[in-house]
Amino acid sequence: MGKDRGRGPGTRGRRAAKTLAGARRPTPDSRSVFRVLDANLNRAREGLRVLEDTARFVWETSSLFRKLREIRHALDRTTRSAYPTLLAARASVRDMGRTMKETPARSWRGLVVSNFRRTQEALRVLEEYGKTISPAAAPRFKAMRFRLYSAEKQTIKKFF
């Protein structure tokens, strides 16, 4: 067996240049960038899961469910190989955002809009900060963000 060239489980033979596979282990200088990437990856996955479950269980709309699920899976394929590096940089115990108050309960419409926006913003941060670690991954994050804009428009048109 040779060195892992960024083709770990789930990459399906995709080249490392299109993922965060080339990400280096965090140094004190880069640790903050990896923390930004980790936090926004988590934010994007969580927001997508809320939207995906809404399409699946509340609206029972298989086309939207499949579209959102595919975006979430594309995000996973793009970032999976960098997971150990991102996890090594994680510092959730000292994260100042951990103790922020949550917004009060809102309508399901507000919940859906908030999660679309949250996910779009997180994908934009992944795109921008990802350029500093793995520039080739940035276009993939951008493509996911634009697919999500399309899904948002479809959702608003159909359910609002």
C-alpha atoms as a PDB file:
ATOM      1  CA  MET A   1       0.000   0.000   0.000  1.00  0.00           C
ATOM      2  CA  GLY A   2       1.236   3.442  -0.873  1.00  0.00           C
ATOM      3  CA  LYS A   3       0.520   6.770   0.663  1.00  0.00           C
ATOM      4  CA  ASP A   4      -3.094   7.886   0.821  1.00  0.00           C
ATOM      5  CA  ARG A   5      -3.482  10.336  -2.018  1.00  0.00           C
ATOM      6  CA  GLY A   6      -6.707  11.823  -0.657  1.00  0.00           C
ATOM      7  CA  ARG A   7      -8.850   8.934  -1.812  1.00  0.00           C
ATOM      8  CA  GLY A   8     -10.329   7.746   1.421  1.00  0.00           C
ATOM      9  CA  PRO A   9     -13.660   6.071   1.996  1.00  0.00           C
ATOM     10  CA  GLY A  10     -16.482   7.873   0.273  1.00  0.00           C
ATOM     11  CA  THR A  11     -14.374   9.856  -2.181  1.00  0.00           C
ATOM     12  CA  ARG A  12     -15.281   7.421  -4.964  1.00  0.00           C
ATOM     13  CA  GLY A  13     -11.980   7.946  -6.745  1.00  0.00           C
ATOM     14  CA  ARG A  14     -12.387  11.708  -7.018  1.00  0.00           C
ATOM     15  CA  ARG A  15      -9.135  13.582  -7.231  1.00  0.00           C
ATOM     16  CA  ALA A  16      -7.882  15.170  -4.043  1.00  0.00           C
ATOM     17  CA  ALA A  17      -7.562  18.566  -5.740  1.00  0.00           C
ATOM     18  CA  LYS A  18     -11.356  18.900  -5.723  1.00  0.00           C
ATOM     19  CA  THR A  19     -11.646  18.269  -2.000  1.00  0.00           C
ATOM     20  CA  LEU A  20     -10.079  19.576   1.155  1.00  0.00           C
ATOM     21  CA  ALA A  21      -7.829  16.505   1.095  1.00  0.00           C
ATOM     22  CA  GLY A  22      -4.720  18.601   0.651  1.00  0.00           C
ATOM     23  CA  ALA A  23      -5.365  20.365   3.936  1.00  0.00           C
ATOM     24  CA  ARG A  24      -2.328  20.367   6.191  1.00  0.00           C
ATOM     25  CA  ARG A  25      -2.357  19.543   9.876  1.00  0.00           C
ATOM     26  CA  PRO A  26      -3.152  22.698  11.834  1.00  0.00           C
ATOM     27  CA  THR A  27      -0.337  24.871  13.085  1.00  0.00           C
ATOM     28  CA  PRO A  28      -0.878  27.693  15.572  1.00  0.00           C
ATOM     29  CA  ASP A  29      -1.090  30.050  12.561  1.00  0.00           C
ATOM     30  CA  SER A  30      -3.571  27.956  10.595  1.00  0.00           C
ATOM     31  CA  ARG A  31      -5.604  26.560  13.497  1.00  0.00           C
ATOM     32  CA  SER A  32      -8.026  29.489  13.428  1.00  0.00           C
ATOM     33  CA  VAL A  33      -8.687  28.960   9.702  1.00  0.00           C
ATOM     34  CA  PHE A  34      -9.391  25.280  10.323  1.00  0.00           C
ATOM     35  CA  ARG A  35     -11.729  26.273  13.185  1.00  0.00           C
ATOM     36  CA  VAL A  36     -13.636  28.571  10.810  1.00  0.00           C
ATOM     37  CA  LEU A  37     -13.885  25.756   8.265  1.00  0.00           C
ATOM     38  CA  ASP A  38     -14.993  23.228  10.900  1.00  0.00           C
ATOM     39  CA  ALA A  39     -17.654  25.504  12.399  1.00  0.00           C
ATOM     40  CA  ASN A  40     -19.087  26.372   8.988  1.00  0.00           C
ATOM     41  CA  LEU A  41     -19.021  22.787   7.787  1.00  0.00           C
ATOM     42  CA  ASN A  42     -21.040  21.822  10.867  1.00  0.00           C
ATOM     43  CA  ARG A  43     -23.401  24.765  10.334  1.00  0.00           C
ATOM     44  CA  ALA A  44     -23.975  23.854   6.682  1.00  0.00           C
ATOM     45  CA  ARG A  45     -24.583  20.162   7.425  1.00  0.00           C
ATOM     46  CA  GLU A  46     -26.984  20.962  10.267  1.00  0.00           C
ATOM     47  CA  GLY A  47     -28.943  23.480   8.189  1.00  0.00           C
ATOM     48  CA  LEU A  48     -29.182  21.069   5.278  1.00  0.00           C
ATOM     49  CA  ARG A  49     -30.414  18.313   7.597  1.00  0.00           C
ATOM     50  CA  VAL A  50     -33.191  20.553   8.971  1.00  0.00           C
ATOM     51  CA  LEU A  51     -34.277  21.422   5.418  1.00  0.00           C
ATOM     52  CA  GLU A  52     -33.972  17.839   4.232  1.00  0.00           C
ATOM     53  CA  ASP A  53     -36.089  16.524   7.114  1.00  0.00           C
ATOM     54  CA  THR A  54     -38.703  19.239   6.504  1.00  0.00           C
ATOM     55  CA  ALA A  55     -38.975  18.206   2.838  1.00  0.00           C
ATOM     56  CA  ARG A  56     -39.097  14.528   3.786  1.00  0.00           C
ATOM     57  CA  PHE A  57     -41.384  14.448   6.814  1.00  0.00           C
ATOM     58  CA  VAL A  58     -43.394  17.693   6.802  1.00  0.00           C
ATOM     59  CA  TRP A  59     -43.969  18.327   3.097  1.00  0.00           C
ATOM     60  CA  GLU A  60     -43.358  14.755   1.891  1.00  0.00           C
ATOM     61  CA  THR A  61     -41.782  16.113  -1.293  1.00  0.00           C
ATOM     62  CA  SER A  62     -39.341  13.568  -2.666  1.00  0.00           C
ATOM     63  CA  SER A  63     -37.832  15.813  -5.373  1.00  0.00           C
ATOM     64  CA  LEU A  64     -36.842  18.536  -2.901  1.00  0.00           C
ATOM     65  CA  PHE A  65     -35.751  15.928  -0.351  1.00  0.00           C
ATOM     66  CA  ARG A  66     -33.463  14.284  -2.931  1.00  0.00           C
ATOM     67  CA  LYS A  67     -32.028  17.640  -4.066  1.00  0.00           C
ATOM     68  CA  LEU A  68     -31.173  18.703  -0.506  1.00  0.00           C
ATOM     69  CA  ARG A  69     -29.784  15.269   0.329  1.00  0.00           C
ATOM     70  CA  GLU A  70     -27.527  15.363  -2.720  1.00  0.00           C
ATOM     71  CA  ILE A  71     -26.157  18.767  -1.700  1.00  0.00           C
ATOM     72  CA  ARG A  72     -25.432  17.411   1.793  1.00  0.00           C
ATOM     73  CA  HIS A  73     -23.720  14.355   0.331  1.00  0.00           C
ATOM     74  CA  ALA A  74     -21.659  16.537  -2.043  1.00  0.00           C
ATOM     75  CA  LEU A  75     -20.559  18.559   0.966  1.00  0.00           C
ATOM     76  CA  ASP A  76     -19.526  15.364   2.721  1.00  0.00           C
ATOM     77  CA  ARG A  77     -17.579  14.096  -0.307  1.00  0.00           C
ATOM     78  CA  THR A  78     -15.752  17.416  -0.585  1.00  0.00           C
ATOM     79  CA  THR A  79     -14.745  17.568   3.077  1.00  0.00           C
ATOM     80  CA  ARG A  80     -14.589  14.008   4.397  1.00  0.00           C
ATOM     81  CA  SER A  81     -10.850  13.510   3.953  1.00  0.00           C
ATOM     82  CA  ALA A  82     -10.131  16.727   5.883  1.00  0.00           C
ATOM     83  CA  TYR A  83     -12.278  15.682   8.852  1.00  0.00           C
ATOM     84  CA  PRO A  84      -9.343  14.597  11.082  1.00  0.00           C
ATOM     85  CA  THR A  85      -7.593  17.926  10.469  1.00  0.00           C
ATOM     86  CA  LEU A  86     -10.738  19.932  11.130  1.00  0.00           C
ATOM     87  CA  LEU A  87     -11.475  17.946  14.269  1.00  0.00           C
ATOM     88  CA  ALA A  88      -7.918  18.491  15.544  1.00  0.00           C
ATOM     89  CA  ALA A  89      -8.467  22.259  15.298  1.00  0.00           C
ATOM     90  CA  ARG A  90     -11.893  22.202  16.977  1.00  0.00           C
ATOM     91  CA  ALA A  91     -12.110  24.081  20.292  1.00  0.00           C
ATOM     92  CA  SER A  92     -15.818  24.032  21.090  1.00  0.00           C
ATOM     93  CA  VAL A  93     -15.338  24.328  24.862  1.00  0.00           C
ATOM     94  CA  ARG A  94     -13.811  27.778  24.497  1.00  0.00           C
ATOM     95  CA  ASP A  95     -15.952  28.889  21.532  1.00  0.00           C
ATOM     96  CA  MET A  96     -17.582  32.166  22.524  1.00  0.00           C
ATOM     97  CA  GLY A  97     -20.584  31.360  20.316  1.00  0.00           C
ATOM     98  CA  ARG A  98     -21.404  28.353  22.482  1.00  0.00           C
ATOM     99  CA  THR A  99     -23.111  30.440  25.157  1.00  0.00           C
ATOM    100  CA  MET A 100     -25.054  32.766  22.874  1.00  0.00           C
ATOM    101  CA  LYS A 101     -28.793  32.797  23.425  1.00  0.00           C
ATOM    102  CA  GLU A 102     -30.950  31.114  20.801  1.00  0.00           C
ATOM    103  CA  THR A 103     -33.635  33.091  19.034  1.00  0.00           C
ATOM    104  CA  PRO A 104     -37.160  32.551  20.341  1.00  0.00           C
ATOM    105  CA  ALA A 105     -39.427  30.008  18.693  1.00  0.00           C
ATOM    106  CA  ARG A 106     -40.673  31.042  15.264  1.00  0.00           C
ATOM    107  CA  SER A 107     -43.047  29.760  12.637  1.00  0.00           C
ATOM    108  CA  TRP A 108     -42.110  26.848  10.373  1.00  0.00           C
ATOM    109  CA  ARG A 109     -41.706  29.376   7.568  1.00  0.00           C
ATOM    110  CA  GLY A 110     -39.170  31.300   9.639  1.00  0.00           C
ATOM    111  CA  LEU A 111     -37.394  28.075  10.494  1.00  0.00           C
ATOM    112  CA  VAL A 112     -37.117  27.115   6.818  1.00  0.00           C
ATOM    113  CA  VAL A 113     -35.921  30.561   5.697  1.00  0.00           C
ATOM    114  CA  SER A 114     -33.396  30.734   8.553  1.00  0.00           C
ATOM    115  CA  ASN A 115     -31.934  27.364   7.656  1.00  0.00           C
ATOM    116  CA  PHE A 116     -31.656  28.202   3.961  1.00  0.00           C
ATOM    117  CA  ARG A 117     -29.836  31.437   4.834  1.00  0.00           C
ATOM    118  CA  ARG A 118     -27.660  29.806   7.486  1.00  0.00           C
ATOM    119  CA  THR A 119     -26.572  27.099   5.062  1.00  0.00           C
ATOM    120  CA  GLN A 120     -25.948  29.524   2.195  1.00  0.00           C
ATOM    121  CA  GLU A 121     -23.813  31.736   4.435  1.00  0.00           C
ATOM    122  CA  ALA A 122     -21.857  28.751   5.737  1.00  0.00           C
ATOM    123  CA  LEU A 123     -21.189  27.544   2.184  1.00  0.00           C
ATOM    124  CA  ARG A 124     -19.933  31.027   1.277  1.00  0.00           C
ATOM    125  CA  VAL A 125     -17.537  30.991   4.246  1.00  0.00           C
ATOM    126  CA  LEU A 126     -16.343  27.501   3.258  1.00  0.00           C
ATOM    127  CA  GLU A 127     -15.774  28.778  -0.265  1.00  0.00           C
ATOM    128  CA  GLU A 128     -13.789  31.834   0.826  1.00  0.00           C
ATOM    129  CA  TYR A 129     -11.721  30.316   3.645  1.00  0.00           C
ATOM    130  CA  GLY A 130     -11.350  27.065   1.728  1.00  0.00           C
ATOM    131  CA  LYS A 131      -9.384  28.976  -0.912  1.00  0.00           C
ATOM    132  CA  THR A 132      -6.601  29.449   1.638  1.00  0.00           C
ATOM    133  CA  ILE A 133      -6.296  25.697   2.279  1.00  0.00           C
ATOM    134  CA  SER A 134      -7.458  23.999  -0.914  1.00  0.00           C
ATOM    135  CA  PRO A 135      -8.261  26.472  -3.714  1.00  0.00           C
ATOM    136  CA  ALA A 136      -9.626  23.745  -5.989  1.00  0.00           C
ATOM    137  CA  ALA A 137     -12.430  22.981  -3.516  1.00  0.00           C
ATOM    138  CA  ALA A 138     -13.850  26.532  -3.652  1.00  0.00           C
ATOM    139  CA  PRO A 139     -15.772  26.049  -6.928  1.00  0.00           C
ATOM    140  CA  ARG A 140     -17.491  22.991  -5.453  1.00  0.00           C
ATOM    141  CA  PHE A 141     -18.707  24.985  -2.440  1.00  0.00           C
ATOM    142  CA  LYS A 142     -19.894  27.726  -4.797  1.00  0.00           C
ATOM    143  CA  ALA A 143     -21.790  25.208  -6.939  1.00  0.00           C
ATOM    144  CA  MET A 144     -23.484  23.796  -3.825  1.00  0.00           C
ATOM    145  CA  ARG A 145     -24.460  27.300  -2.725  1.00  0.00           C
ATOM    146  CA  PHE A 146     -26.051  28.066  -6.083  1.00  0.00           C
ATOM    147  CA  ARG A 147     -27.900  24.740  -6.087  1.00  0.00           C
ATOM    148  CA  LEU A 148     -29.240  25.716  -2.680  1.00  0.00           C
ATOM    149  CA  TYR A 149     -30.384  29.115  -4.003  1.00  0.00           C
ATOM    150  CA  SER A 150     -32.355  27.219  -6.638  1.00  0.00           C
ATOM    151  CA  ALA A 151     -33.854  24.865  -4.033  1.00  0.00           C
ATOM    152  CA  GLU A 152     -34.802  27.867  -1.888  1.00  0.00           C
ATOM    153  CA  LYS A 153     -36.653  29.508  -4.783  1.00  0.00           C
ATOM    154  CA  GLN A 154     -38.465  26.256  -5.548  1.00  0.00           C
ATOM    155  CA  THR A 155     -39.422  25.896  -1.882  1.00  0.00           C
ATOM    156  CA  ILE A 156     -40.689  29.443  -1.443  1.00  0.00           C
ATOM    157  CA  LYS A 157     -42.714  29.234  -4.645  1.00  0.00           C
ATOM    158  CA  LYS A 158     -44.324  25.930  -3.673  1.00  0.00           C
ATOM    159  CA  PHE A 159     -44.875  26.200   0.086  1.00  0.00           C
ATOM    160  CA  PHE A 160     -45.120  29.892   0.997  1.00  0.00           C
END
